[in-house]
N, C-alpha and C. Protein backbone atom coordinates (compact mmCIF):
# COMPACT_ATOMS: atom_id res chain seq x y z
N UNK A 1 179.73 -6.19 4.82
CA UNK A 1 179.30 -7.40 4.14
C UNK A 1 180.46 -7.99 3.33
N UNK A 2 181.20 -7.16 2.63
CA UNK A 2 182.21 -7.66 1.71
C UNK A 2 183.62 -7.71 2.31
N UNK A 3 183.77 -7.26 3.55
CA UNK A 3 185.07 -7.34 4.20
C UNK A 3 185.33 -8.78 4.61
N UNK A 4 186.56 -9.25 4.48
CA UNK A 4 186.85 -10.64 4.85
C UNK A 4 186.46 -10.99 6.28
N UNK A 5 186.55 -10.03 7.20
CA UNK A 5 186.23 -10.31 8.60
C UNK A 5 184.78 -10.77 8.78
N UNK A 6 183.88 -10.37 7.90
CA UNK A 6 182.48 -10.78 8.04
C UNK A 6 182.25 -12.24 7.67
N UNK A 7 183.12 -12.81 6.86
CA UNK A 7 182.99 -14.20 6.40
C UNK A 7 181.57 -14.47 5.90
N UNK A 8 181.03 -13.54 5.15
CA UNK A 8 179.66 -13.67 4.64
C UNK A 8 179.56 -14.86 3.70
N UNK A 9 178.40 -15.50 3.75
CA UNK A 9 178.09 -16.60 2.84
C UNK A 9 177.22 -16.03 1.73
N UNK A 10 177.67 -16.13 0.48
CA UNK A 10 176.95 -15.57 -0.66
C UNK A 10 176.33 -16.69 -1.50
N UNK A 11 175.15 -16.41 -2.05
CA UNK A 11 174.48 -17.34 -2.94
C UNK A 11 173.84 -16.59 -4.09
N UNK A 12 173.93 -17.18 -5.29
CA UNK A 12 173.22 -16.65 -6.46
C UNK A 12 171.73 -16.75 -6.19
N UNK A 13 170.98 -15.70 -6.53
CA UNK A 13 169.54 -15.70 -6.34
C UNK A 13 168.84 -15.84 -7.69
N UNK A 14 169.00 -14.83 -8.57
CA UNK A 14 168.31 -14.87 -9.87
C UNK A 14 168.66 -13.61 -10.66
N UNK A 15 168.28 -13.62 -11.93
CA UNK A 15 168.28 -12.39 -12.71
C UNK A 15 167.01 -11.64 -12.36
N UNK A 16 167.14 -10.33 -12.11
CA UNK A 16 165.99 -9.51 -11.77
C UNK A 16 166.05 -8.20 -12.53
N UNK A 17 165.03 -7.37 -12.36
CA UNK A 17 164.99 -6.06 -12.99
C UNK A 17 164.95 -5.00 -11.90
N UNK A 18 165.83 -4.01 -12.02
CA UNK A 18 165.88 -2.89 -11.09
C UNK A 18 165.88 -1.61 -11.91
N UNK A 19 164.89 -0.78 -11.71
CA UNK A 19 164.77 0.49 -12.45
C UNK A 19 164.88 0.27 -13.96
N UNK A 20 164.23 -0.80 -14.44
CA UNK A 20 164.20 -1.08 -15.87
C UNK A 20 165.45 -1.73 -16.41
N UNK A 21 166.40 -2.08 -15.54
CA UNK A 21 167.67 -2.65 -15.96
C UNK A 21 167.79 -4.08 -15.42
N UNK A 22 168.29 -4.98 -16.23
CA UNK A 22 168.54 -6.35 -15.80
C UNK A 22 169.74 -6.36 -14.84
N UNK A 23 169.57 -7.02 -13.68
CA UNK A 23 170.64 -7.08 -12.68
C UNK A 23 170.81 -8.52 -12.19
N UNK A 24 172.01 -8.79 -11.69
CA UNK A 24 172.29 -10.07 -11.05
C UNK A 24 171.97 -9.91 -9.56
N UNK A 25 171.14 -10.81 -9.03
CA UNK A 25 170.73 -10.72 -7.63
C UNK A 25 171.39 -11.83 -6.82
N UNK A 26 171.90 -11.47 -5.65
CA UNK A 26 172.56 -12.41 -4.75
C UNK A 26 171.98 -12.26 -3.35
N UNK A 27 171.94 -13.36 -2.60
CA UNK A 27 171.60 -13.35 -1.18
C UNK A 27 172.90 -13.52 -0.39
N UNK A 28 172.88 -13.08 0.87
CA UNK A 28 174.04 -13.28 1.73
C UNK A 28 173.59 -13.42 3.17
N UNK A 29 174.48 -13.93 4.01
CA UNK A 29 174.21 -14.09 5.44
C UNK A 29 175.53 -13.91 6.19
N UNK A 30 175.45 -13.21 7.35
CA UNK A 30 176.61 -13.01 8.22
C UNK A 30 176.23 -13.50 9.62
N UNK A 31 177.03 -14.41 10.16
CA UNK A 31 176.78 -14.98 11.48
C UNK A 31 177.06 -13.95 12.58
N UNK A 32 176.43 -14.17 13.72
CA UNK A 32 176.57 -13.24 14.86
C UNK A 32 178.02 -13.07 15.28
N UNK A 33 178.79 -14.16 15.34
CA UNK A 33 180.17 -14.05 15.80
C UNK A 33 181.08 -13.30 14.84
N UNK A 34 180.61 -13.01 13.62
CA UNK A 34 181.38 -12.24 12.64
C UNK A 34 180.77 -10.87 12.37
N UNK A 35 179.64 -10.58 12.97
CA UNK A 35 178.88 -9.36 12.69
C UNK A 35 179.43 -8.15 13.45
N UNK A 36 179.28 -7.00 12.81
CA UNK A 36 179.55 -5.72 13.47
C UNK A 36 178.36 -4.78 13.26
N UNK A 37 177.22 -5.34 12.79
CA UNK A 37 176.04 -4.52 12.52
C UNK A 37 175.30 -4.26 13.83
N UNK A 38 175.13 -2.99 14.17
CA UNK A 38 174.51 -2.60 15.43
C UNK A 38 173.08 -2.14 15.23
N UNK A 39 172.23 -2.54 16.16
CA UNK A 39 170.87 -2.02 16.23
C UNK A 39 170.82 -1.21 17.51
N UNK A 40 170.42 0.06 17.39
CA UNK A 40 170.41 0.96 18.55
C UNK A 40 169.00 1.45 18.83
N UNK A 41 168.70 1.57 20.12
CA UNK A 41 167.43 2.14 20.55
C UNK A 41 167.69 2.92 21.83
N UNK A 42 167.48 4.21 21.74
CA UNK A 42 167.76 5.13 22.85
C UNK A 42 169.17 4.91 23.37
N UNK A 43 169.34 4.49 24.62
CA UNK A 43 170.68 4.33 25.18
C UNK A 43 171.17 2.89 25.15
N UNK A 44 170.46 2.02 24.40
CA UNK A 44 170.85 0.62 24.32
C UNK A 44 171.26 0.27 22.89
N UNK A 45 172.19 -0.65 22.79
CA UNK A 45 172.59 -1.13 21.47
C UNK A 45 173.02 -2.59 21.56
N UNK A 46 172.79 -3.30 20.46
CA UNK A 46 173.18 -4.70 20.38
C UNK A 46 173.80 -4.93 19.00
N UNK A 47 174.54 -6.00 18.88
CA UNK A 47 175.06 -6.46 17.60
C UNK A 47 174.26 -7.70 17.24
N UNK A 48 173.77 -7.77 16.00
CA UNK A 48 172.98 -8.92 15.58
C UNK A 48 173.61 -9.59 14.36
N UNK A 49 173.27 -10.86 14.18
CA UNK A 49 173.54 -11.51 12.90
C UNK A 49 172.64 -10.82 11.89
N UNK A 50 172.94 -10.98 10.62
CA UNK A 50 172.07 -10.36 9.62
C UNK A 50 172.16 -11.11 8.30
N UNK A 51 171.17 -10.86 7.47
CA UNK A 51 171.16 -11.39 6.12
C UNK A 51 170.63 -10.30 5.21
N UNK A 52 170.64 -10.57 3.93
CA UNK A 52 170.12 -9.59 2.99
C UNK A 52 170.35 -10.03 1.57
N UNK A 53 170.33 -9.05 0.69
CA UNK A 53 170.53 -9.30 -0.74
C UNK A 53 171.16 -8.07 -1.37
N UNK A 54 171.71 -8.25 -2.54
CA UNK A 54 172.24 -7.11 -3.29
C UNK A 54 172.07 -7.38 -4.78
N UNK A 55 171.92 -6.30 -5.53
CA UNK A 55 171.74 -6.35 -6.97
C UNK A 55 172.96 -5.72 -7.64
N UNK A 56 173.48 -6.40 -8.66
CA UNK A 56 174.72 -6.01 -9.30
C UNK A 56 174.48 -5.75 -10.79
N UNK A 57 175.04 -4.65 -11.29
CA UNK A 57 175.01 -4.36 -12.72
C UNK A 57 175.90 -5.39 -13.43
N UNK A 58 175.35 -6.18 -14.36
CA UNK A 58 176.16 -7.23 -14.99
C UNK A 58 177.28 -6.69 -15.89
N UNK A 59 177.18 -5.46 -16.36
CA UNK A 59 178.21 -4.90 -17.24
C UNK A 59 179.39 -4.34 -16.46
N UNK A 60 179.10 -3.61 -15.39
CA UNK A 60 180.17 -2.93 -14.64
C UNK A 60 180.52 -3.62 -13.33
N UNK A 61 179.67 -4.53 -12.88
CA UNK A 61 179.84 -5.26 -11.62
C UNK A 61 179.79 -4.35 -10.39
N UNK A 62 179.09 -3.24 -10.48
CA UNK A 62 178.89 -2.37 -9.32
C UNK A 62 177.56 -2.72 -8.66
N UNK A 63 177.51 -2.51 -7.38
CA UNK A 63 176.29 -2.79 -6.61
C UNK A 63 175.34 -1.61 -6.77
N UNK A 64 174.10 -1.91 -7.18
CA UNK A 64 173.09 -0.88 -7.37
C UNK A 64 172.08 -0.84 -6.22
N UNK A 65 171.97 -1.92 -5.46
CA UNK A 65 171.08 -1.96 -4.30
C UNK A 65 171.62 -3.00 -3.33
N UNK A 66 171.55 -2.67 -2.03
CA UNK A 66 171.93 -3.64 -1.00
C UNK A 66 170.95 -3.52 0.16
N UNK A 67 170.58 -4.66 0.70
CA UNK A 67 169.63 -4.71 1.83
C UNK A 67 170.26 -5.46 2.99
N UNK A 68 169.94 -5.02 4.21
CA UNK A 68 170.41 -5.65 5.44
C UNK A 68 169.20 -5.86 6.34
N UNK A 69 169.06 -7.08 6.88
CA UNK A 69 167.93 -7.41 7.77
C UNK A 69 168.50 -8.08 9.02
N UNK A 70 168.17 -7.52 10.19
CA UNK A 70 168.66 -8.07 11.46
C UNK A 70 168.04 -9.43 11.72
N UNK A 71 168.83 -10.32 12.34
CA UNK A 71 168.36 -11.66 12.71
C UNK A 71 168.50 -11.87 14.21
N UNK A 72 167.63 -12.69 14.74
CA UNK A 72 167.73 -13.17 16.13
C UNK A 72 167.93 -12.05 17.15
N UNK A 73 167.11 -11.03 17.06
CA UNK A 73 167.15 -9.94 18.05
C UNK A 73 166.66 -10.52 19.38
N UNK A 74 167.41 -10.32 20.46
CA UNK A 74 167.00 -10.89 21.75
C UNK A 74 165.59 -10.41 22.16
N UNK A 75 164.79 -11.31 22.75
CA UNK A 75 163.41 -10.95 23.10
C UNK A 75 163.30 -9.80 24.10
N UNK A 76 164.32 -9.57 24.93
CA UNK A 76 164.25 -8.50 25.92
C UNK A 76 164.68 -7.14 25.36
N UNK A 77 165.11 -7.10 24.09
CA UNK A 77 165.50 -5.84 23.46
C UNK A 77 164.25 -5.16 22.91
N UNK A 78 164.09 -3.83 23.07
CA UNK A 78 162.86 -3.15 22.64
C UNK A 78 162.59 -3.27 21.13
N UNK A 79 163.64 -3.27 20.30
CA UNK A 79 163.46 -3.37 18.85
C UNK A 79 163.20 -4.83 18.50
N UNK A 80 162.14 -5.07 17.74
CA UNK A 80 161.76 -6.44 17.38
C UNK A 80 162.21 -6.80 15.96
N UNK A 81 162.35 -5.79 15.08
CA UNK A 81 162.86 -6.03 13.73
C UNK A 81 163.53 -4.75 13.23
N UNK A 82 164.50 -4.94 12.34
CA UNK A 82 165.21 -3.78 11.76
C UNK A 82 165.75 -4.18 10.39
N UNK A 83 165.59 -3.25 9.44
CA UNK A 83 166.12 -3.50 8.10
C UNK A 83 166.51 -2.18 7.46
N UNK A 84 167.39 -2.28 6.47
CA UNK A 84 167.91 -1.10 5.78
C UNK A 84 168.15 -1.48 4.32
N UNK A 85 167.59 -0.71 3.39
CA UNK A 85 167.81 -0.92 1.96
C UNK A 85 168.41 0.36 1.40
N UNK A 86 169.54 0.23 0.70
CA UNK A 86 170.23 1.39 0.15
C UNK A 86 170.39 1.22 -1.35
N UNK A 87 169.90 2.20 -2.11
CA UNK A 87 170.02 2.21 -3.57
C UNK A 87 171.12 3.16 -4.00
N UNK A 88 171.87 2.75 -5.03
CA UNK A 88 172.89 3.59 -5.64
C UNK A 88 172.49 3.87 -7.08
N UNK A 89 172.86 5.04 -7.58
CA UNK A 89 172.60 5.38 -8.97
C UNK A 89 173.70 6.35 -9.42
N UNK A 90 173.85 6.47 -10.73
CA UNK A 90 174.87 7.38 -11.27
C UNK A 90 174.36 8.81 -11.23
N UNK A 91 175.23 9.71 -10.78
CA UNK A 91 174.92 11.14 -10.72
C UNK A 91 176.00 11.90 -11.48
N UNK A 92 175.57 12.93 -12.19
CA UNK A 92 176.51 13.76 -12.93
C UNK A 92 177.03 14.87 -12.02
N UNK A 93 178.34 14.95 -11.90
CA UNK A 93 178.98 16.03 -11.14
C UNK A 93 180.03 16.66 -12.04
N UNK A 94 179.76 17.86 -12.49
CA UNK A 94 180.68 18.61 -13.33
C UNK A 94 181.11 17.82 -14.56
N UNK A 95 180.14 17.16 -15.19
CA UNK A 95 180.41 16.45 -16.43
C UNK A 95 180.98 15.05 -16.27
N UNK A 96 181.11 14.57 -15.04
CA UNK A 96 181.59 13.21 -14.79
C UNK A 96 180.52 12.42 -14.05
N UNK A 97 180.38 11.13 -14.38
CA UNK A 97 179.40 10.26 -13.72
C UNK A 97 180.03 9.59 -12.50
N UNK A 98 179.32 9.64 -11.37
CA UNK A 98 179.77 8.99 -10.14
C UNK A 98 178.64 8.12 -9.60
N UNK A 99 178.97 6.94 -9.08
CA UNK A 99 177.99 6.08 -8.44
C UNK A 99 177.86 6.51 -6.99
N UNK A 100 176.66 7.00 -6.62
CA UNK A 100 176.45 7.57 -5.30
C UNK A 100 175.12 7.06 -4.73
N UNK A 101 174.94 7.12 -3.41
CA UNK A 101 173.65 6.74 -2.84
C UNK A 101 172.53 7.60 -3.43
N UNK A 102 171.40 6.98 -3.75
CA UNK A 102 170.27 7.73 -4.30
C UNK A 102 169.07 7.74 -3.35
N UNK A 103 168.83 6.62 -2.66
CA UNK A 103 167.76 6.60 -1.67
C UNK A 103 167.97 5.46 -0.70
N UNK A 104 167.33 5.57 0.45
CA UNK A 104 167.43 4.55 1.48
C UNK A 104 166.07 4.40 2.16
N UNK A 105 165.81 3.20 2.61
CA UNK A 105 164.59 2.93 3.38
C UNK A 105 164.99 2.13 4.61
N UNK A 106 164.70 2.68 5.79
CA UNK A 106 165.03 2.04 7.05
C UNK A 106 163.72 1.74 7.77
N UNK A 107 163.54 0.49 8.16
CA UNK A 107 162.33 0.09 8.90
C UNK A 107 162.73 -0.52 10.22
N UNK A 108 161.91 -0.22 11.25
CA UNK A 108 162.17 -0.76 12.58
C UNK A 108 160.85 -0.91 13.31
N UNK A 109 160.71 -1.99 14.05
CA UNK A 109 159.50 -2.14 14.88
C UNK A 109 159.92 -2.16 16.35
N UNK A 110 159.18 -1.39 17.14
CA UNK A 110 159.40 -1.29 18.57
C UNK A 110 158.03 -1.42 19.23
N UNK A 111 157.85 -2.48 20.00
CA UNK A 111 156.54 -2.70 20.63
C UNK A 111 155.46 -2.81 19.58
N UNK A 112 154.41 -1.98 19.71
CA UNK A 112 153.30 -1.98 18.76
C UNK A 112 153.51 -1.01 17.60
N UNK A 113 154.66 -0.37 17.54
CA UNK A 113 154.91 0.65 16.52
C UNK A 113 155.90 0.16 15.47
N UNK A 114 155.60 0.53 14.24
CA UNK A 114 156.51 0.25 13.12
C UNK A 114 156.89 1.60 12.53
N UNK A 115 158.19 1.83 12.39
CA UNK A 115 158.64 3.09 11.78
C UNK A 115 159.26 2.80 10.42
N UNK A 116 159.11 3.76 9.54
CA UNK A 116 159.71 3.66 8.20
C UNK A 116 160.30 5.02 7.89
N UNK A 117 161.57 5.05 7.61
CA UNK A 117 162.28 6.29 7.33
C UNK A 117 162.80 6.21 5.91
N UNK A 118 162.25 7.04 5.02
CA UNK A 118 162.70 7.11 3.63
C UNK A 118 163.62 8.31 3.47
N UNK A 119 164.77 8.07 2.87
CA UNK A 119 165.74 9.15 2.63
C UNK A 119 166.02 9.23 1.14
N UNK A 120 166.12 10.44 0.63
CA UNK A 120 166.52 10.66 -0.76
C UNK A 120 167.79 11.49 -0.76
N UNK A 121 168.74 11.06 -1.55
CA UNK A 121 169.99 11.80 -1.71
C UNK A 121 169.93 12.44 -3.09
N UNK A 122 169.95 13.76 -3.14
CA UNK A 122 169.84 14.43 -4.43
C UNK A 122 170.56 15.77 -4.38
N UNK A 123 170.57 16.43 -5.50
CA UNK A 123 171.24 17.73 -5.63
C UNK A 123 172.70 17.66 -5.22
N UNK A 124 173.36 16.57 -5.63
CA UNK A 124 174.79 16.47 -5.38
C UNK A 124 175.50 17.61 -6.08
N UNK A 125 176.54 18.12 -5.44
CA UNK A 125 177.32 19.18 -6.03
C UNK A 125 178.80 18.90 -5.81
N UNK A 126 179.57 19.35 -6.74
CA UNK A 126 181.02 19.24 -6.60
C UNK A 126 181.51 20.59 -6.09
N UNK A 127 182.21 20.56 -4.98
CA UNK A 127 182.78 21.78 -4.43
C UNK A 127 184.27 21.77 -4.73
N UNK A 128 184.73 22.85 -5.33
CA UNK A 128 186.15 22.95 -5.63
C UNK A 128 186.56 24.42 -5.63
N UNK A 129 187.83 24.61 -5.61
CA UNK A 129 188.36 25.97 -5.67
C UNK A 129 189.55 25.94 -6.61
N UNK A 130 189.61 26.91 -7.47
CA UNK A 130 190.74 27.06 -8.36
C UNK A 130 191.44 28.36 -7.98
N UNK A 131 192.74 28.29 -7.90
CA UNK A 131 193.50 29.49 -7.53
C UNK A 131 194.70 29.64 -8.46
N UNK A 132 194.99 30.86 -8.78
CA UNK A 132 196.16 31.18 -9.59
C UNK A 132 196.85 32.35 -8.91
N UNK A 133 198.10 32.17 -8.62
CA UNK A 133 198.85 33.23 -7.95
C UNK A 133 199.77 33.88 -8.97
N UNK A 134 199.65 35.19 -9.11
CA UNK A 134 200.50 35.96 -10.02
C UNK A 134 201.23 37.01 -9.23
N UNK A 135 202.49 37.23 -9.60
CA UNK A 135 203.29 38.26 -8.96
C UNK A 135 203.59 39.33 -9.99
N UNK A 136 203.57 40.58 -9.56
CA UNK A 136 203.97 41.66 -10.45
C UNK A 136 205.49 41.66 -10.58
N UNK A 137 205.98 42.04 -11.72
CA UNK A 137 207.42 42.13 -11.92
C UNK A 137 207.95 40.94 -12.71
N UNK A 138 209.25 40.97 -12.87
CA UNK A 138 209.90 39.92 -13.65
C UNK A 138 210.09 38.67 -12.82
N UNK A 139 210.05 37.55 -13.53
CA UNK A 139 210.34 36.29 -12.86
C UNK A 139 211.85 36.12 -12.80
N UNK A 140 212.36 35.69 -11.70
CA UNK A 140 213.79 35.42 -11.57
C UNK A 140 213.96 33.95 -11.25
N UNK A 141 215.06 33.41 -11.71
CA UNK A 141 215.35 32.00 -11.44
C UNK A 141 215.69 31.84 -9.96
N UNK A 142 215.41 30.67 -9.41
CA UNK A 142 215.76 30.45 -8.01
C UNK A 142 217.26 30.56 -7.79
N UNK A 143 217.65 31.01 -6.64
CA UNK A 143 219.07 31.15 -6.32
C UNK A 143 219.74 29.79 -6.34
N UNK A 144 220.96 29.76 -6.89
CA UNK A 144 221.73 28.52 -6.94
C UNK A 144 222.38 28.30 -5.58
N UNK A 145 222.31 27.09 -5.13
CA UNK A 145 222.97 26.77 -3.86
C UNK A 145 224.10 25.80 -4.15
N UNK A 146 225.13 25.89 -3.37
CA UNK A 146 226.24 24.96 -3.54
C UNK A 146 226.09 23.86 -2.51
N UNK A 147 226.29 22.64 -2.97
CA UNK A 147 226.13 21.53 -2.01
C UNK A 147 227.18 21.61 -0.91
N UNK A 148 226.79 21.20 0.25
CA UNK A 148 227.74 21.17 1.36
C UNK A 148 228.46 19.83 1.35
N UNK A 149 229.72 19.88 1.80
CA UNK A 149 230.52 18.67 1.85
C UNK A 149 230.38 18.01 3.19
N UNK A 150 230.44 16.67 3.15
CA UNK A 150 230.43 15.92 4.40
C UNK A 150 231.78 16.07 5.07
N UNK A 151 231.78 16.18 6.35
CA UNK A 151 233.04 16.25 7.11
C UNK A 151 233.27 14.98 7.81
């Protein structure tokens, strides 16, 4: 959405509330000829135009929610509608706050069926390793080398 290649058209929407916080809401649209958003069903896939919205924290200017909705899906394609909403929230990892995905909702309709897939991202952990190498004995200075002369 935010890459220059998408040439997205952005518009101010309104002030809204997200999780009890005031946010700046914007709408956007990406034309088919600039889109790279794929809708896949079994062994078939298409690229569609899309539109959506996003909510921004007015203090930090980070995106807290973004939505994508497919447009103009060809009538012969099995999927009739597709959308994806992704929420971000701050998570504590080893005493530091990081903005990470917190939940997602993906909806798709195929024929007479509508599917809804809710995902929660939680229990983030920081994986690290600390190593200290010690040698027995006295430390010695590195050997001095003499520079070589050019011939």
